[in-house]
Amino acid sequence: MENVIKLNNVRKEFKKGTNVVEVLNGVDLTIDQGELIAIIGPSGSGKTTLLQIIGLLDRPTKGDLFVKGENQIDLTDKSRSRLRNQFFGFVYQFHHLINEF
């Protein structure tokens, strides 16, 4: 199977005053073509932040994001928008609608 999404050591931090809040800490993830995944976890665990980075809506503080084998970290906003338009779609559902859960 072909990797369509690959994250290497993705980190995301937010500054709150003088404090740094680490939301994602070294996430590695590979999603193959045709694979069904679910991102689950407690409130505040970074699920939405992870989805925003995967969907090119936000940039990680550190790490790499590959889409179809090409690193997308340094894309311009216009290029990110074009790629989102052509490639990405998200379906948000309650977990009980997916048989595996």
N, C-alpha and C. Protein backbone atom coordinates (compact mmCIF):
# COMPACT_ATOMS: atom_id res chain seq x y z
N MET A 1 0.83 -1.20 0.00
CA MET A 1 0.00 0.00 0.00
C MET A 1 0.87 1.25 0.00
N GLU A 2 0.36 2.27 -0.62
CA GLU A 2 1.06 3.55 -0.69
C GLU A 2 0.71 4.40 0.54
N ASN A 3 1.75 5.01 1.13
CA ASN A 3 1.50 5.97 2.21
C ASN A 3 0.93 7.24 1.59
N VAL A 4 -0.23 7.67 2.06
CA VAL A 4 -0.76 8.94 1.58
C VAL A 4 -0.48 10.05 2.58
N ILE A 5 -0.39 9.70 3.85
CA ILE A 5 -0.06 10.66 4.90
C ILE A 5 1.02 10.05 5.77
N LYS A 6 2.03 10.83 6.07
CA LYS A 6 3.07 10.36 6.99
C LYS A 6 3.54 11.55 7.83
N LEU A 7 3.51 11.37 9.14
CA LEU A 7 4.02 12.38 10.06
C LEU A 7 5.25 11.82 10.74
N ASN A 8 6.29 12.64 10.81
CA ASN A 8 7.53 12.25 11.48
C ASN A 8 7.84 13.25 12.58
N ASN A 9 7.80 12.78 13.83
CA ASN A 9 8.19 13.57 14.99
C ASN A 9 7.49 14.94 15.03
N VAL A 10 6.18 14.94 14.79
CA VAL A 10 5.43 16.20 14.76
C VAL A 10 5.17 16.68 16.18
N ARG A 11 5.49 17.93 16.38
CA ARG A 11 5.28 18.60 17.67
C ARG A 11 4.49 19.88 17.45
N LYS A 12 3.64 20.21 18.41
CA LYS A 12 2.90 21.46 18.37
C LYS A 12 2.87 22.05 19.76
N GLU A 13 3.30 23.29 19.84
CA GLU A 13 3.32 24.02 21.11
C GLU A 13 2.55 25.32 20.93
N PHE A 14 1.89 25.74 21.99
CA PHE A 14 1.21 27.03 22.03
C PHE A 14 1.78 27.81 23.21
N LYS A 15 1.97 29.10 23.02
CA LYS A 15 2.45 29.94 24.12
C LYS A 15 1.25 30.56 24.81
N LYS A 16 1.26 30.48 26.12
CA LYS A 16 0.22 31.08 26.94
C LYS A 16 0.93 31.94 27.98
N GLY A 17 1.03 33.22 27.68
CA GLY A 17 1.82 34.10 28.53
C GLY A 17 3.27 33.71 28.44
N THR A 18 3.88 33.44 29.57
CA THR A 18 5.28 33.01 29.57
C THR A 18 5.40 31.48 29.55
N ASN A 19 4.27 30.80 29.60
CA ASN A 19 4.27 29.33 29.59
C ASN A 19 4.14 28.79 28.18
N VAL A 20 4.72 27.62 27.96
CA VAL A 20 4.57 26.90 26.70
C VAL A 20 3.76 25.64 26.98
N VAL A 21 2.67 25.49 26.23
CA VAL A 21 1.81 24.31 26.37
C VAL A 21 2.10 23.38 25.19
N GLU A 22 2.60 22.20 25.50
CA GLU A 22 2.92 21.22 24.47
C GLU A 22 1.69 20.34 24.23
N VAL A 23 1.13 20.46 23.03
CA VAL A 23 -0.10 19.73 22.71
C VAL A 23 0.23 18.40 22.02
N LEU A 24 1.16 18.42 21.08
CA LEU A 24 1.62 17.20 20.42
C LEU A 24 3.10 17.05 20.69
N ASN A 25 3.51 15.85 21.06
CA ASN A 25 4.91 15.63 21.45
C ASN A 25 5.50 14.46 20.66
N GLY A 26 6.04 14.76 19.48
CA GLY A 26 6.73 13.73 18.70
C GLY A 26 5.83 12.68 18.09
N VAL A 27 4.75 13.11 17.45
CA VAL A 27 3.81 12.17 16.85
C VAL A 27 4.38 11.59 15.55
N ASP A 28 4.37 10.27 15.46
CA ASP A 28 4.69 9.54 14.23
C ASP A 28 3.43 8.81 13.80
N LEU A 29 3.05 8.98 12.54
CA LEU A 29 1.82 8.37 12.06
C LEU A 29 1.95 8.12 10.56
N THR A 30 1.49 6.96 10.13
CA THR A 30 1.44 6.64 8.70
C THR A 30 0.03 6.18 8.38
N ILE A 31 -0.55 6.77 7.34
CA ILE A 31 -1.88 6.39 6.87
C ILE A 31 -1.73 5.93 5.43
N ASP A 32 -2.12 4.69 5.18
CA ASP A 32 -2.02 4.12 3.84
C ASP A 32 -3.29 4.40 3.04
N GLN A 33 -3.13 4.39 1.73
CA GLN A 33 -4.26 4.59 0.84
C GLN A 33 -5.35 3.58 1.13
N GLY A 34 -6.59 4.05 1.27
CA GLY A 34 -7.73 3.19 1.52
C GLY A 34 -7.92 2.78 2.97
N GLU A 35 -7.03 3.21 3.83
CA GLU A 35 -7.12 2.82 5.24
C GLU A 35 -8.16 3.66 5.96
N LEU A 36 -8.96 3.03 6.79
CA LEU A 36 -9.94 3.71 7.63
C LEU A 36 -9.32 3.89 9.00
N ILE A 37 -9.27 5.13 9.47
CA ILE A 37 -8.72 5.37 10.80
C ILE A 37 -9.71 6.17 11.62
N ALA A 38 -9.54 6.10 12.92
CA ALA A 38 -10.30 6.92 13.85
C ALA A 38 -9.30 7.49 14.85
N ILE A 39 -9.43 8.76 15.13
CA ILE A 39 -8.58 9.39 16.14
C ILE A 39 -9.46 9.61 17.36
N ILE A 40 -9.14 8.90 18.42
CA ILE A 40 -9.96 8.96 19.63
C ILE A 40 -9.07 9.28 20.82
N GLY A 41 -9.65 9.90 21.81
CA GLY A 41 -8.92 10.22 23.02
C GLY A 41 -9.72 11.18 23.87
N PRO A 42 -9.28 11.39 25.09
CA PRO A 42 -10.01 12.29 25.98
C PRO A 42 -9.92 13.74 25.51
N SER A 43 -10.82 14.54 26.02
CA SER A 43 -10.82 15.97 25.74
C SER A 43 -9.47 16.57 26.10
N GLY A 44 -8.94 17.40 25.20
CA GLY A 44 -7.67 18.06 25.47
C GLY A 44 -6.44 17.26 25.13
N SER A 45 -6.62 16.11 24.48
CA SER A 45 -5.46 15.25 24.18
C SER A 45 -4.76 15.60 22.87
N GLY A 46 -5.31 16.54 22.09
CA GLY A 46 -4.65 16.98 20.86
C GLY A 46 -5.25 16.44 19.58
N LYS A 47 -6.43 15.82 19.65
CA LYS A 47 -7.05 15.24 18.46
C LYS A 47 -7.32 16.29 17.39
N THR A 48 -7.95 17.38 17.75
CA THR A 48 -8.27 18.42 16.78
C THR A 48 -7.01 19.06 16.24
N THR A 49 -6.03 19.30 17.08
CA THR A 49 -4.76 19.87 16.63
C THR A 49 -4.10 18.95 15.62
N LEU A 50 -4.11 17.66 15.89
CA LEU A 50 -3.54 16.69 14.96
C LEU A 50 -4.26 16.72 13.62
N LEU A 51 -5.59 16.73 13.64
CA LEU A 51 -6.37 16.80 12.40
C LEU A 51 -6.11 18.08 11.62
N GLN A 52 -5.96 19.20 12.33
CA GLN A 52 -5.68 20.46 11.66
C GLN A 52 -4.32 20.45 10.99
N ILE A 53 -3.34 19.80 11.59
CA ILE A 53 -2.02 19.69 10.98
C ILE A 53 -2.07 18.75 9.78
N ILE A 54 -2.70 17.60 9.93
CA ILE A 54 -2.82 16.66 8.82
C ILE A 54 -3.55 17.31 7.64
N GLY A 55 -4.59 18.08 7.92
CA GLY A 55 -5.38 18.73 6.88
C GLY A 55 -4.81 20.03 6.38
N LEU A 56 -3.60 20.36 6.76
CA LEU A 56 -2.89 21.56 6.32
C LEU A 56 -3.59 22.85 6.73
N LEU A 57 -4.35 22.81 7.81
CA LEU A 57 -5.00 24.01 8.34
C LEU A 57 -4.12 24.71 9.37
N ASP A 58 -3.13 24.00 9.89
CA ASP A 58 -2.19 24.53 10.87
C ASP A 58 -0.83 23.93 10.58
N ARG A 59 0.19 24.55 11.11
CA ARG A 59 1.56 24.07 10.91
C ARG A 59 2.11 23.56 12.23
N PRO A 60 2.87 22.48 12.19
CA PRO A 60 3.49 22.01 13.42
C PRO A 60 4.61 22.93 13.85
N THR A 61 4.92 22.92 15.13
CA THR A 61 6.07 23.66 15.63
C THR A 61 7.35 23.02 15.11
N LYS A 62 7.37 21.70 15.08
CA LYS A 62 8.52 20.94 14.56
C LYS A 62 7.99 19.67 13.91
N GLY A 63 8.82 19.06 13.08
CA GLY A 63 8.48 17.78 12.47
C GLY A 63 8.16 17.91 11.00
N ASP A 64 7.83 16.79 10.39
CA ASP A 64 7.57 16.73 8.96
C ASP A 64 6.22 16.09 8.69
N LEU A 65 5.55 16.60 7.65
CA LEU A 65 4.28 16.06 7.18
C LEU A 65 4.42 15.77 5.69
N PHE A 66 4.27 14.51 5.34
CA PHE A 66 4.36 14.10 3.94
C PHE A 66 2.98 13.73 3.43
N VAL A 67 2.64 14.22 2.25
CA VAL A 67 1.41 13.84 1.55
C VAL A 67 1.84 13.23 0.23
N LYS A 68 1.50 11.97 0.04
CA LYS A 68 1.91 11.22 -1.16
C LYS A 68 3.41 11.32 -1.40
N GLY A 69 4.19 11.23 -0.32
CA GLY A 69 5.64 11.19 -0.41
C GLY A 69 6.35 12.52 -0.48
N GLU A 70 5.61 13.63 -0.52
CA GLU A 70 6.23 14.95 -0.61
C GLU A 70 6.02 15.72 0.68
N ASN A 71 7.11 16.30 1.20
CA ASN A 71 7.04 17.07 2.44
C ASN A 71 6.27 18.36 2.19
N GLN A 72 5.28 18.63 3.02
CA GLN A 72 4.40 19.78 2.84
C GLN A 72 4.68 20.93 3.80
N ILE A 73 5.69 20.80 4.62
CA ILE A 73 5.93 21.77 5.69
C ILE A 73 6.18 23.18 5.16
N ASP A 74 6.92 23.31 4.07
CA ASP A 74 7.30 24.63 3.59
C ASP A 74 6.40 25.19 2.50
N LEU A 75 5.24 24.59 2.27
CA LEU A 75 4.33 25.09 1.24
C LEU A 75 3.81 26.47 1.60
N THR A 76 3.55 27.27 0.57
CA THR A 76 2.90 28.56 0.79
C THR A 76 1.44 28.32 1.17
N ASP A 77 0.79 29.33 1.72
CA ASP A 77 -0.62 29.20 2.08
C ASP A 77 -1.47 28.87 0.85
N LYS A 78 -1.15 29.49 -0.29
CA LYS A 78 -1.90 29.24 -1.52
C LYS A 78 -1.75 27.78 -1.96
N SER A 79 -0.55 27.25 -1.89
CA SER A 79 -0.31 25.85 -2.26
C SER A 79 -1.00 24.90 -1.29
N ARG A 80 -1.00 25.25 0.00
CA ARG A 80 -1.68 24.43 0.99
C ARG A 80 -3.19 24.40 0.71
N SER A 81 -3.75 25.54 0.36
CA SER A 81 -5.18 25.62 0.04
C SER A 81 -5.51 24.78 -1.18
N ARG A 82 -4.67 24.86 -2.20
CA ARG A 82 -4.90 24.09 -3.42
C ARG A 82 -4.88 22.58 -3.12
N LEU A 83 -3.90 22.16 -2.35
CA LEU A 83 -3.78 20.74 -2.00
C LEU A 83 -4.98 20.28 -1.17
N ARG A 84 -5.41 21.12 -0.22
CA ARG A 84 -6.59 20.79 0.59
C ARG A 84 -7.82 20.61 -0.31
N ASN A 85 -7.97 21.52 -1.26
CA ASN A 85 -9.12 21.49 -2.16
C ASN A 85 -9.15 20.22 -3.01
N GLN A 86 -7.99 19.75 -3.42
CA GLN A 86 -7.91 18.62 -4.34
C GLN A 86 -7.81 17.27 -3.64
N PHE A 87 -7.37 17.24 -2.39
CA PHE A 87 -6.96 15.98 -1.79
C PHE A 87 -7.66 15.61 -0.49
N PHE A 88 -8.04 16.58 0.32
CA PHE A 88 -8.49 16.28 1.68
C PHE A 88 -9.99 16.37 1.85
N GLY A 89 -10.48 15.50 2.72
CA GLY A 89 -11.86 15.55 3.17
C GLY A 89 -11.93 14.86 4.52
N PHE A 90 -12.71 15.39 5.41
CA PHE A 90 -12.88 14.79 6.73
C PHE A 90 -14.34 14.47 6.95
N VAL A 91 -14.60 13.35 7.57
CA VAL A 91 -15.95 12.98 7.97
C VAL A 91 -15.94 12.87 9.48
N TYR A 92 -16.71 13.73 10.13
CA TYR A 92 -16.80 13.69 11.59
C TYR A 92 -18.06 12.92 11.96
N GLN A 93 -17.89 11.90 12.79
CA GLN A 93 -19.01 11.08 13.21
C GLN A 93 -18.86 10.74 14.68
N PHE A 94 -19.96 10.39 15.27
CA PHE A 94 -19.91 9.84 16.61
C PHE A 94 -19.30 8.46 16.53
N HIS A 95 -18.49 8.09 17.49
CA HIS A 95 -17.78 6.82 17.46
C HIS A 95 -18.71 5.62 17.33
N HIS A 96 -19.91 5.72 17.84
CA HIS A 96 -20.81 4.55 17.80
C HIS A 96 -21.38 4.30 16.40
N LEU A 97 -21.10 5.16 15.44
CA LEU A 97 -21.54 4.95 14.07
C LEU A 97 -20.55 4.10 13.27
N ILE A 98 -19.38 3.83 13.85
CA ILE A 98 -18.37 3.01 13.19
C ILE A 98 -18.32 1.67 13.92
N ASN A 99 -18.55 0.59 13.19
CA ASN A 99 -18.67 -0.75 13.79
C ASN A 99 -17.50 -1.14 14.67
N GLU A 100 -16.28 -0.77 14.29
CA GLU A 100 -15.10 -1.18 15.04
C GLU A 100 -15.05 -0.61 16.45
N PHE A 101 -15.86 0.38 16.74
CA PHE A 101 -15.82 1.01 18.05
C PHE A 101 -17.12 0.77 18.78
